Amino acid sequence: MRIKFGRVLCIFMLVLTLCSLFSVNAFASGSQDDSNYYLSFKKYKEAVNPDGSRTITYNDVTDQISNLLNEGLRRYQAGTAQEGDDGYYKPFTNSYGFWYETSGFEKTVMGYISGARVNEVELQFSNMKKAVNNGASPDEVKVEVDKLVSMLREDANILDGLFGYSTGTSDGSGSSAAGGLAAATFAAVFGIILREGLEAILIIGAIVAYLIKTNNKKRLPYVYVGALLAVAASVVLAIILYNITSGTSNSIPQEIVEGVTALVAVVVMIYVSNWMISKVESEAWTKYITEKVSSSAEKGKMFALGFTSFLVVFREGAEVILFCQQYFSRAGSMEHGFLAVFGGIALGLLAVAIIFILIRVFGVKIPLKPFFFVTSIFMAVMAIAFLGAGMWELFLDGGLAERIGGVVLSLAGTIPELAWMSGNDVLAFFGIYPTWITLGPQIILLIITVITFIAFIVTTRKAVSKKAAVQENSPAGKIKGNT
């Protein structure tokens, strides 16, 4: 039954991923009109830069996004219909998937400024669409549009100054000099490898330490093969996503795949966490180790561990590959560019490997019972983190909230009292964002997890007390008491 459970999860993930790709591909390839503004970055490039000789700056991109948003605002003020090519909603929604992401703006900000800044901007896109969806006044919508454009302009000035595209205002964090750009590129690539690999290596390291600690080294191939298969699958997925996005002007499919994978990983990690917590008592573990996981049920659990390894690597793999592709395309135009990219990749992988070794070495040295109790809690925490990240990628990055609209889109906006959380790198790492669409499911899962752990502790204590009472009332126990 356990093996079947794992296979069902594999099939479930595959079906959801394929359905998401086809559905979003169909959405992305919708018609575009011939207005005097551009509905997609691809169309803009074809019109103003057909031979690739002109440099399109990030301020140029911001100008066009601003034009697009103001066209949507003009239509909104004029009372046009919401849907359709002539409706007011399409310019608002396409400004993200057909511009911010497709132009490379998002990925460049993530690499050269910060991932938290990307979350801030994405949340403002959502707040703007939420205002439109809730029927806010044109003046209120204009406030959200102006705030978004201001954020984009600030980032564009920093990036254009860094790449030497313009003499725009910079905060001094970058330099147009070759050495400064190469250093920034190295830092960006290193940061991406470390950030995207950290979640995966923490989980894989804990699983490997678990197998070693229970004398199940022969089961390690489940984990390593899962990770290697994920790398291969990520390469294939990256090629598919690149072809889809280059053909439709929309990069949303990547977010859909990552979101679906994250949610499937949540299910598997909850399963693994509950399994581990059920084995915490030393007596249970002694019996478990003695049997050496020889039953088919325990083999199924080993499959779950391997599948967890696959999911956490696969979730980030394609994104890392697409990121690196972008940096390689820039490397040839800067001095020491390839050295910066390869150096960032090499040192990033080295840092991830060191973290893995530390987890494996120190994890194995921790006493058995505390190790598995802590590991179980860690798996539960990461499941909650993946749940928030998955909901964000599906509903905000993937555009599902705006496709559904109504209450769902309202839940995807900023919670005013929690606005301070926006742009925090640590909170973003744990998938915590100031929106009900992400926090709501996380709170529910947290409550369920806490109840599960409390129930386990209560049940364990009752079992221990009952066992002690039985031993005390046994003939041997009475003799021992009398002596």
Protein backbone atom coordinates (compact mmCIF):
# COMPACT_ATOMS: atom_id res chain seq x y z
CA MET A 1 0.00 0.00 0.00
CA ARG A 2 2.86 2.39 0.76
CA ILE A 3 4.43 1.89 -2.65
CA LYS A 4 1.08 2.52 -4.27
CA PHE A 5 0.83 5.74 -2.27
CA GLY A 6 4.11 6.95 -3.71
CA ARG A 7 3.15 5.99 -7.24
CA VAL A 8 -0.16 7.78 -6.92
CA LEU A 9 1.69 10.93 -5.87
CA CYS A 10 4.00 10.64 -8.90
CA ILE A 11 1.07 10.26 -11.27
CA PHE A 12 -0.82 13.06 -9.54
CA MET A 13 2.11 15.47 -9.90
CA LEU A 14 2.66 14.54 -13.55
CA VAL A 15 -1.01 14.98 -14.50
CA LEU A 16 -1.32 18.31 -12.70
CA THR A 17 1.90 19.61 -14.22
CA LEU A 18 0.93 18.65 -17.77
CA CYS A 19 -2.59 20.04 -17.39
CA SER A 20 -1.18 23.27 -15.99
CA LEU A 21 1.30 23.62 -18.85
CA PHE A 22 -1.33 23.06 -21.53
CA SER A 23 -3.93 25.31 -19.91
CA VAL A 24 -1.52 28.18 -19.29
CA ASN A 25 -0.01 27.76 -22.76
CA ALA A 26 -3.49 28.18 -24.24
CA PHE A 27 -4.08 31.25 -22.06
CA ALA A 28 -0.71 32.73 -22.95
CA SER A 29 -1.19 32.38 -26.69
CA GLY A 30 -4.35 34.48 -26.72
CA SER A 31 -4.86 37.20 -29.33
CA GLN A 32 -3.22 40.60 -29.07
CA ASP A 33 -4.56 43.74 -30.71
CA ASP A 34 -2.66 46.40 -32.66
CA SER A 35 -3.11 49.37 -30.34
CA ASN A 36 -0.44 52.05 -30.05
CA TYR A 37 0.90 50.36 -26.94
CA TYR A 38 2.29 46.87 -26.61
CA LEU A 39 0.57 43.96 -24.91
CA SER A 40 3.76 41.91 -24.68
CA PHE A 41 7.49 42.42 -24.42
CA LYS A 42 7.99 40.06 -27.35
CA LYS A 43 5.80 42.22 -29.58
CA TYR A 44 7.64 45.31 -28.42
CA LYS A 45 11.05 43.82 -29.30
CA GLU A 46 9.82 42.77 -32.74
CA ALA A 47 8.62 46.32 -33.41
CA VAL A 48 11.49 48.44 -32.11
CA ASN A 49 14.45 46.08 -32.24
CA PRO A 50 13.97 43.58 -35.07
CA ASP A 51 17.68 43.03 -35.74
CA GLY A 52 18.79 42.97 -32.09
CA SER A 53 21.12 45.94 -32.54
CA ARG A 54 19.45 48.20 -29.97
CA THR A 55 19.85 47.83 -26.23
CA ILE A 56 16.49 47.79 -24.49
CA THR A 57 17.03 49.24 -21.03
CA TYR A 58 15.04 48.44 -17.91
CA ASN A 59 13.75 52.00 -17.95
CA ASP A 60 12.45 51.26 -21.47
CA VAL A 61 10.65 48.23 -20.06
CA THR A 62 9.27 50.31 -17.20
CA ASP A 63 8.07 52.95 -19.69
CA GLN A 64 6.12 50.33 -21.63
CA ILE A 65 4.67 48.72 -18.50
CA SER A 66 3.62 52.20 -17.39
CA ASN A 67 1.97 52.80 -20.78
CA LEU A 68 0.18 49.48 -20.50
CA LEU A 69 -1.07 50.18 -16.97
CA ASN A 70 -2.22 53.68 -17.88
CA GLU A 71 -4.06 52.29 -20.91
CA GLY A 72 -5.85 49.92 -18.56
CA LEU A 73 -6.61 52.82 -16.23
CA ARG A 74 -7.96 54.88 -19.16
CA ARG A 75 -10.27 52.05 -20.16
CA TYR A 76 -11.33 51.57 -16.54
CA GLN A 77 -12.22 55.26 -16.25
CA ALA A 78 -14.12 55.10 -19.55
CA GLY A 79 -16.28 52.25 -18.23
CA THR A 80 -15.35 49.68 -20.88
CA ALA A 81 -16.06 45.98 -20.39
CA GLN A 82 -13.74 44.03 -18.12
CA GLU A 83 -12.89 41.12 -20.42
CA GLY A 84 -11.71 40.91 -24.01
CA ASP A 85 -8.90 42.56 -25.96
CA ASP A 86 -10.64 45.93 -25.64
CA GLY A 87 -11.49 45.41 -21.97
CA TYR A 88 -9.77 47.20 -19.12
CA TYR A 89 -8.50 44.11 -17.32
CA LYS A 90 -6.18 42.68 -19.97
CA PRO A 91 -3.61 45.52 -19.84
CA PHE A 92 -3.45 45.18 -16.05
CA THR A 93 -2.98 41.44 -16.02
CA ASN A 94 -0.57 41.25 -18.98
CA SER A 95 1.73 43.82 -17.42
CA TYR A 96 3.06 41.05 -15.18
CA GLY A 97 3.16 37.76 -17.10
CA PHE A 98 3.78 39.33 -20.53
CA TRP A 99 6.23 42.00 -19.35
CA TYR A 100 7.73 41.92 -15.88
CA GLU A 101 8.71 38.27 -16.16
CA THR A 102 9.19 37.79 -19.90
CA SER A 103 11.51 40.78 -20.27
CA GLY A 104 13.82 39.29 -17.65
CA PHE A 105 13.09 42.15 -15.26
CA GLU A 106 12.00 39.83 -12.45
CA LYS A 107 14.97 37.45 -12.67
CA THR A 108 17.45 40.31 -12.94
CA VAL A 109 16.02 42.03 -9.86
CA MET A 110 16.13 38.72 -7.99
CA GLY A 111 19.78 38.20 -8.88
CA TYR A 112 21.19 41.72 -8.63
CA ILE A 113 18.95 43.31 -5.97
CA SER A 114 17.09 40.67 -3.89
CA GLY A 115 14.44 37.99 -4.03
CA ALA A 116 12.49 39.82 -1.32
CA ARG A 117 12.29 42.87 -3.58
CA VAL A 118 10.70 40.72 -6.27
CA ASN A 119 8.09 39.58 -3.74
CA GLU A 120 7.35 43.22 -2.89
CA VAL A 121 6.79 44.13 -6.53
CA GLU A 122 4.72 41.01 -7.23
CA LEU A 123 2.53 41.81 -4.25
CA GLN A 124 1.98 45.33 -5.57
CA PHE A 125 0.89 43.87 -8.92
CA SER A 126 -1.65 41.84 -6.94
CA ASN A 127 -2.79 44.85 -4.90
CA MET A 128 -3.38 46.81 -8.09
CA LYS A 129 -5.48 44.03 -9.63
CA LYS A 130 -7.31 43.58 -6.32
CA ALA A 131 -8.34 47.26 -6.40
CA VAL A 132 -9.65 46.87 -9.95
CA ASN A 133 -11.45 43.65 -9.10
CA ASN A 134 -13.13 45.25 -6.07
CA GLY A 135 -14.47 48.15 -8.13
CA ALA A 136 -12.29 50.82 -6.53
CA SER A 137 -12.55 54.38 -7.84
CA PRO A 138 -10.26 55.38 -10.72
CA ASP A 139 -8.32 57.60 -8.31
CA GLU A 140 -7.75 54.68 -5.94
CA VAL A 141 -6.60 52.45 -8.78
CA LYS A 142 -4.28 55.25 -9.96
CA VAL A 143 -2.64 55.31 -6.53
CA GLU A 144 -1.85 51.59 -6.82
CA VAL A 145 -0.63 51.99 -10.41
CA ASP A 146 1.62 54.94 -9.51
CA LYS A 147 3.08 53.03 -6.55
CA LEU A 148 3.87 50.03 -8.76
CA VAL A 149 5.47 52.16 -11.48
CA SER A 150 7.54 53.97 -8.84
CA MET A 151 8.86 50.64 -7.51
CA LEU A 152 9.69 49.46 -11.03
CA ARG A 153 11.40 52.76 -11.85
CA GLU A 154 13.55 52.53 -8.73
CA ASP A 155 14.71 49.04 -9.68
CA ALA A 156 15.22 50.03 -13.32
CA ASN A 157 17.50 52.90 -12.33
CA ILE A 158 19.64 50.59 -10.22
CA LEU A 159 19.90 47.95 -12.97
CA ASP A 160 20.52 50.39 -15.82
CA GLY A 161 23.24 52.06 -13.77
CA LEU A 162 24.78 48.68 -13.03
CA PHE A 163 24.81 47.53 -16.65
CA GLY A 164 25.90 50.93 -17.98
CA TYR A 165 22.67 51.26 -20.01
CA SER A 166 22.07 54.80 -18.82
CA THR A 167 23.18 57.47 -16.39
CA GLY A 168 20.01 56.94 -14.37
CA THR A 169 19.99 57.39 -10.64
CA SER A 170 21.57 54.58 -8.71
CA ASP A 171 21.75 53.98 -5.00
CA GLY A 172 25.46 53.31 -5.30
CA SER A 173 25.09 49.58 -4.86
CA GLY A 174 26.29 48.91 -8.37
CA SER A 175 28.76 50.27 -10.91
CA SER A 176 28.84 50.40 -14.68
CA ALA A 177 32.54 49.54 -14.61
CA ALA A 178 33.42 46.10 -15.94
CA GLY A 179 34.92 44.94 -12.68
CA GLY A 180 31.86 46.06 -10.70
CA LEU A 181 29.47 44.33 -13.10
CA ALA A 182 31.48 41.09 -13.08
CA ALA A 183 31.56 41.14 -9.26
CA ALA A 184 27.81 41.78 -9.14
CA THR A 185 27.21 38.92 -11.58
CA PHE A 186 29.34 36.57 -9.50
CA ALA A 187 27.42 37.53 -6.36
CA ALA A 188 24.09 37.13 -8.16
CA VAL A 189 24.87 33.63 -9.48
CA PHE A 190 26.37 32.53 -6.16
CA GLY A 191 23.30 33.82 -4.30
CA ILE A 192 20.90 32.03 -6.65
CA ILE A 193 22.70 28.68 -6.34
CA LEU A 194 22.87 29.00 -2.55
CA ARG A 195 19.30 30.23 -2.11
CA GLU A 196 17.67 27.72 -4.42
CA GLY A 197 19.81 24.85 -3.17
CA LEU A 198 19.46 25.55 0.54
CA GLU A 199 15.91 24.25 0.96
CA ALA A 200 16.68 21.08 -0.95
CA ILE A 201 19.98 20.37 0.78
CA LEU A 202 18.51 20.89 4.26
CA ILE A 203 15.83 18.30 3.61
CA ILE A 204 18.06 15.84 1.76
CA GLY A 205 20.75 16.18 4.43
CA ALA A 206 18.23 15.36 7.16
CA ILE A 207 16.99 12.31 5.25
CA VAL A 208 20.52 11.02 4.63
CA ALA A 209 21.46 11.51 8.29
CA TYR A 210 18.30 9.61 9.24
CA LEU A 211 19.18 6.62 7.06
CA ILE A 212 22.76 6.49 8.35
CA LYS A 213 21.61 6.79 11.95
CA THR A 214 19.26 3.82 11.58
CA ASN A 215 21.91 1.64 9.93
CA ASN A 216 20.13 1.85 6.59
CA LYS A 217 22.95 3.08 4.38
CA LYS A 218 21.87 0.58 1.74
CA ARG A 219 18.74 2.70 1.31
CA LEU A 220 20.72 5.84 0.44
CA PRO A 221 20.41 5.17 -3.31
CA TYR A 222 16.68 5.96 -2.98
CA VAL A 223 17.63 9.50 -1.99
CA TYR A 224 20.54 10.01 -4.37
CA VAL A 225 18.73 8.52 -7.37
CA GLY A 226 15.73 10.70 -6.58
CA ALA A 227 17.94 13.80 -6.61
CA LEU A 228 19.73 12.78 -9.83
CA LEU A 229 16.44 12.04 -11.58
CA ALA A 230 15.22 15.46 -10.45
CA VAL A 231 18.26 17.13 -12.04
CA ALA A 232 17.59 15.31 -15.33
CA ALA A 233 13.88 16.16 -15.15
CA SER A 234 14.75 19.79 -14.42
CA VAL A 235 16.85 20.01 -17.58
CA VAL A 236 13.99 18.61 -19.66
CA LEU A 237 11.50 20.91 -17.95
CA ALA A 238 13.73 23.94 -18.47
CA ILE A 239 13.85 23.21 -22.21
CA ILE A 240 10.06 22.80 -22.33
CA LEU A 241 9.45 26.00 -20.37
CA TYR A 242 11.92 27.95 -22.47
CA ASN A 243 10.18 26.86 -25.68
CA ILE A 244 6.74 27.60 -24.26
CA THR A 245 7.64 31.03 -22.96
CA SER A 246 9.56 32.05 -26.08
CA GLY A 247 6.63 30.96 -28.22
CA THR A 248 3.80 32.60 -26.26
CA SER A 249 5.36 35.75 -24.77
CA ASN A 250 4.34 34.52 -21.31
CA SER A 251 6.52 32.95 -18.62
CA ILE A 252 3.73 31.94 -16.22
CA PRO A 253 3.99 28.14 -16.89
CA GLN A 254 7.20 27.99 -14.84
CA GLU A 255 5.37 29.38 -11.80
CA ILE A 256 2.51 26.90 -12.26
CA VAL A 257 4.89 23.93 -12.35
CA GLU A 258 6.81 25.14 -9.29
CA GLY A 259 3.58 25.75 -7.40
CA VAL A 260 2.15 22.31 -8.18
CA THR A 261 5.45 20.62 -7.27
CA ALA A 262 5.61 22.52 -3.97
CA LEU A 263 2.09 21.46 -3.01
CA VAL A 264 2.80 17.81 -3.83
CA ALA A 265 5.99 18.10 -1.74
CA VAL A 266 3.83 19.34 1.15
CA VAL A 267 1.80 16.12 1.07
CA VAL A 268 4.91 13.93 1.00
CA MET A 269 6.71 15.83 3.78
CA ILE A 270 3.66 15.67 6.05
CA TYR A 271 3.56 11.93 5.41
CA VAL A 272 7.27 11.57 6.22
CA SER A 273 7.01 13.83 9.29
CA ASN A 274 4.11 11.83 10.77
CA TRP A 275 5.93 8.59 10.05
CA MET A 276 9.07 9.79 11.82
CA ILE A 277 7.23 11.11 14.88
CA SER A 278 5.47 7.76 15.24
CA LYS A 279 8.86 6.07 15.61
CA VAL A 280 10.41 8.44 18.14
CA GLU A 281 10.16 6.13 21.15
CA SER A 282 13.39 4.15 21.51
CA GLU A 283 11.51 0.88 21.84
CA ALA A 284 9.73 1.46 18.56
CA TRP A 285 13.00 2.38 16.89
CA THR A 286 14.76 -0.71 18.29
CA LYS A 287 12.10 -2.91 16.76
CA TYR A 288 12.21 -0.91 13.54
CA ILE A 289 15.99 -1.18 13.17
CA THR A 290 15.95 -4.88 14.01
CA GLU A 291 13.55 -5.54 11.16
CA LYS A 292 15.89 -3.50 8.89
CA VAL A 293 12.94 -2.13 6.96
CA SER A 294 12.52 -5.44 5.18
CA SER A 295 8.74 -5.34 4.85
CA SER A 296 7.10 -3.98 1.74
CA ALA A 297 5.46 -1.26 3.82
CA GLU A 298 8.83 0.05 5.00
CA LYS A 299 10.16 -0.11 1.45
CA GLY A 300 7.24 2.10 0.53
CA LYS A 301 8.40 4.59 3.14
CA MET A 302 11.90 4.48 1.62
CA PHE A 303 10.25 5.32 -1.68
CA ALA A 304 8.58 8.29 0.01
CA LEU A 305 11.99 9.53 1.16
CA GLY A 306 13.39 9.19 -2.35
CA PHE A 307 10.34 10.94 -3.77
CA THR A 308 10.80 13.78 -1.28
CA SER A 309 14.40 14.11 -2.49
CA PHE A 310 13.14 14.24 -6.08
CA LEU A 311 10.51 16.88 -5.38
CA VAL A 312 12.67 19.35 -3.46
CA VAL A 313 15.38 19.27 -6.15
CA PHE A 314 12.93 19.31 -9.05
CA ARG A 315 11.05 22.30 -7.60
CA GLU A 316 14.09 24.56 -7.91
CA GLY A 317 16.07 22.80 -10.62
CA ALA A 318 14.44 24.25 -13.71
CA GLU A 319 14.46 27.75 -12.25
CA VAL A 320 18.20 27.54 -11.54
CA ILE A 321 18.86 26.36 -15.10
CA LEU A 322 16.80 29.18 -16.59
CA PHE A 323 18.55 31.69 -14.34
CA CYS A 324 21.99 30.45 -15.37
CA GLN A 325 20.99 30.54 -19.04
CA GLN A 326 20.17 34.21 -18.62
CA TYR A 327 23.51 34.99 -17.01
CA PHE A 328 25.44 33.04 -19.65
CA SER A 329 23.71 35.11 -22.34
CA ARG A 330 25.00 38.28 -20.65
CA ALA A 331 28.50 36.95 -19.89
CA GLY A 332 29.88 37.45 -23.40
CA SER A 333 29.22 41.21 -23.30
CA MET A 334 31.18 41.91 -20.10
CA GLU A 335 34.82 41.60 -19.16
CA HIS A 336 35.46 38.43 -17.12
CA GLY A 337 31.77 37.60 -17.58
CA PHE A 338 32.13 33.83 -18.00
CA LEU A 339 34.59 33.68 -15.12
CA ALA A 340 32.06 35.44 -12.93
CA VAL A 341 29.24 33.06 -13.90
CA PHE A 342 31.29 29.85 -13.61
CA GLY A 343 32.88 31.09 -10.38
CA GLY A 344 29.47 31.85 -8.88
CA ILE A 345 28.16 28.41 -9.84
CA ALA A 346 31.26 26.61 -8.51
CA LEU A 347 31.39 28.41 -5.16
CA GLY A 348 27.61 28.18 -4.79
CA LEU A 349 27.74 24.41 -5.25
CA LEU A 350 30.69 24.22 -2.86
CA ALA A 351 28.75 26.12 -0.19
CA VAL A 352 25.75 23.82 -0.64
CA ALA A 353 28.03 20.75 -0.40
CA ILE A 354 29.59 22.04 2.83
CA ILE A 355 26.16 22.60 4.36
CA PHE A 356 25.16 19.07 3.34
CA ILE A 357 28.29 17.57 4.94
CA LEU A 358 27.74 19.53 8.17
CA ILE A 359 24.13 18.34 8.42
CA ARG A 360 25.17 14.77 7.75
CA VAL A 361 28.08 14.76 10.22
CA PHE A 362 26.46 16.61 13.10
CA GLY A 363 23.05 15.05 12.48
CA VAL A 364 24.42 11.55 12.92
CA LYS A 365 26.07 12.51 16.22
CA ILE A 366 22.80 13.68 17.82
CA PRO A 367 21.19 11.07 20.16
CA LEU A 368 18.58 8.93 18.45
CA LYS A 369 15.36 10.09 20.07
CA PRO A 370 16.06 13.88 19.97
CA PHE A 371 17.33 13.60 16.40
CA PHE A 372 14.16 12.08 15.02
CA PHE A 373 11.89 14.28 17.07
CA VAL A 374 13.68 17.39 15.78
CA THR A 375 13.80 16.00 12.22
CA SER A 376 10.07 15.35 12.33
CA ILE A 377 9.43 18.93 13.44
CA PHE A 378 11.80 20.22 10.74
CA MET A 379 9.88 18.29 8.06
CA ALA A 380 6.62 19.74 9.35
CA VAL A 381 8.05 23.29 9.31
CA MET A 382 9.34 22.86 5.75
CA ALA A 383 5.95 21.49 4.70
CA ILE A 384 4.35 24.70 5.99
CA ALA A 385 7.02 26.75 4.17
CA PHE A 386 6.46 24.86 0.90
CA LEU A 387 2.71 25.35 1.28
CA GLY A 388 3.10 29.13 1.44
CA ALA A 389 5.56 29.17 -1.46
CA GLY A 390 3.35 26.88 -3.54
CA MET A 391 0.24 28.99 -2.97
CA TRP A 392 2.20 32.15 -3.84
CA GLU A 393 3.56 30.64 -7.06
CA LEU A 394 0.17 29.33 -8.16
CA PHE A 395 -2.12 32.19 -7.19
CA LEU A 396 0.12 35.26 -7.51
CA ASP A 397 3.00 34.39 -9.84
CA GLY A 398 0.95 31.87 -11.81
CA GLY A 399 -2.02 34.21 -12.16
CA LEU A 400 -4.60 31.77 -10.76
CA ALA A 401 -6.01 34.40 -8.37
CA GLU A 402 -6.79 36.83 -11.16
CA ARG A 403 -8.20 34.09 -13.38
CA ILE A 404 -10.64 33.13 -10.62
CA GLY A 405 -11.19 36.69 -9.41
CA GLY A 406 -13.67 37.68 -6.72
CA VAL A 407 -12.88 36.68 -3.17
CA VAL A 408 -9.80 34.71 -4.23
CA LEU A 409 -8.15 37.78 -5.75
CA SER A 410 -9.03 39.79 -2.66
CA LEU A 411 -7.28 37.19 -0.52
CA ALA A 412 -4.17 37.60 -2.69
CA GLY A 413 -3.75 41.26 -1.71
CA THR A 414 -1.63 42.64 1.12
CA ILE A 415 -3.00 42.38 4.64
CA PRO A 416 -2.53 46.03 5.77
CA GLU A 417 -1.55 45.11 9.34
CA LEU A 418 1.13 42.76 8.04
CA ALA A 419 2.55 44.97 5.29
CA TRP A 420 5.86 45.13 7.22
CA MET A 421 6.44 41.48 6.30
CA SER A 422 6.75 42.33 2.62
CA GLY A 423 10.32 42.32 1.33
CA ASN A 424 11.79 40.30 4.20
CA ASP A 425 14.26 37.70 2.87
CA VAL A 426 14.06 35.42 5.92
CA LEU A 427 10.24 35.30 5.93
CA ALA A 428 10.24 34.75 2.17
CA PHE A 429 12.57 31.76 2.60
CA PHE A 430 9.98 30.16 4.87
CA GLY A 431 7.15 30.99 2.45
CA ILE A 432 5.58 33.58 4.77
CA TYR A 433 3.89 36.46 2.95
CA PRO A 434 1.37 39.08 4.13
CA THR A 435 -1.59 37.61 2.18
CA TRP A 436 -4.50 35.45 3.31
CA ILE A 437 -4.14 33.24 0.21
CA THR A 438 -0.80 32.01 1.61
CA LEU A 439 -1.15 32.53 5.39
CA GLY A 440 -4.64 30.98 5.63
CA PRO A 441 -3.63 27.48 4.47
CA GLN A 442 -0.39 27.72 6.48
CA ILE A 443 -2.29 28.53 9.69
CA ILE A 444 -4.64 25.60 9.10
CA LEU A 445 -1.73 23.22 8.48
CA LEU A 446 0.09 24.60 11.53
CA ILE A 447 -2.95 23.93 13.74
CA ILE A 448 -3.27 20.39 12.37
CA THR A 449 0.45 19.79 12.91
CA VAL A 450 0.39 21.08 16.49
CA ILE A 451 -2.67 18.96 17.31
CA THR A 452 -0.93 15.92 15.79
CA PHE A 453 2.20 16.44 17.87
CA ILE A 454 0.22 17.09 21.07
CA ALA A 455 -1.86 13.96 20.44
CA PHE A 456 1.34 11.97 19.94
CA ILE A 457 2.89 13.28 23.18
CA VAL A 458 -0.29 12.57 25.18
CA THR A 459 -0.65 9.10 23.69
CA THR A 460 3.02 8.32 24.32
CA ARG A 461 2.84 9.42 27.95
CA LYS A 462 -0.28 7.34 28.54
CA ALA A 463 1.42 4.32 26.99
CA VAL A 464 4.52 4.82 29.12
CA SER A 465 2.43 5.21 32.30
CA LYS A 466 0.38 2.13 31.46
CA LYS A 467 3.52 0.11 30.76
CA ALA A 468 5.09 1.26 34.06
CA ALA A 469 1.92 0.30 35.95
CA VAL A 470 1.86 -3.14 34.37
CA GLN A 471 5.52 -3.72 35.21
CA GLU A 472 4.97 -2.54 38.78
CA ASN A 473 2.06 -4.95 39.29
CA SER A 474 3.88 -7.86 37.74
CA PRO A 475 5.38 -10.55 40.04
CA ALA A 476 8.89 -9.34 39.18
CA GLY A 477 7.91 -5.77 39.88
CA LYS A 478 6.38 -6.65 43.27
CA ILE A 479 9.49 -8.60 44.29
CA LYS A 480 11.67 -5.67 43.27
CA GLY A 481 9.43 -3.29 45.25
CA ASN A 482 9.58 -5.44 48.39
CA THR A 483 13.34 -5.56 48.28
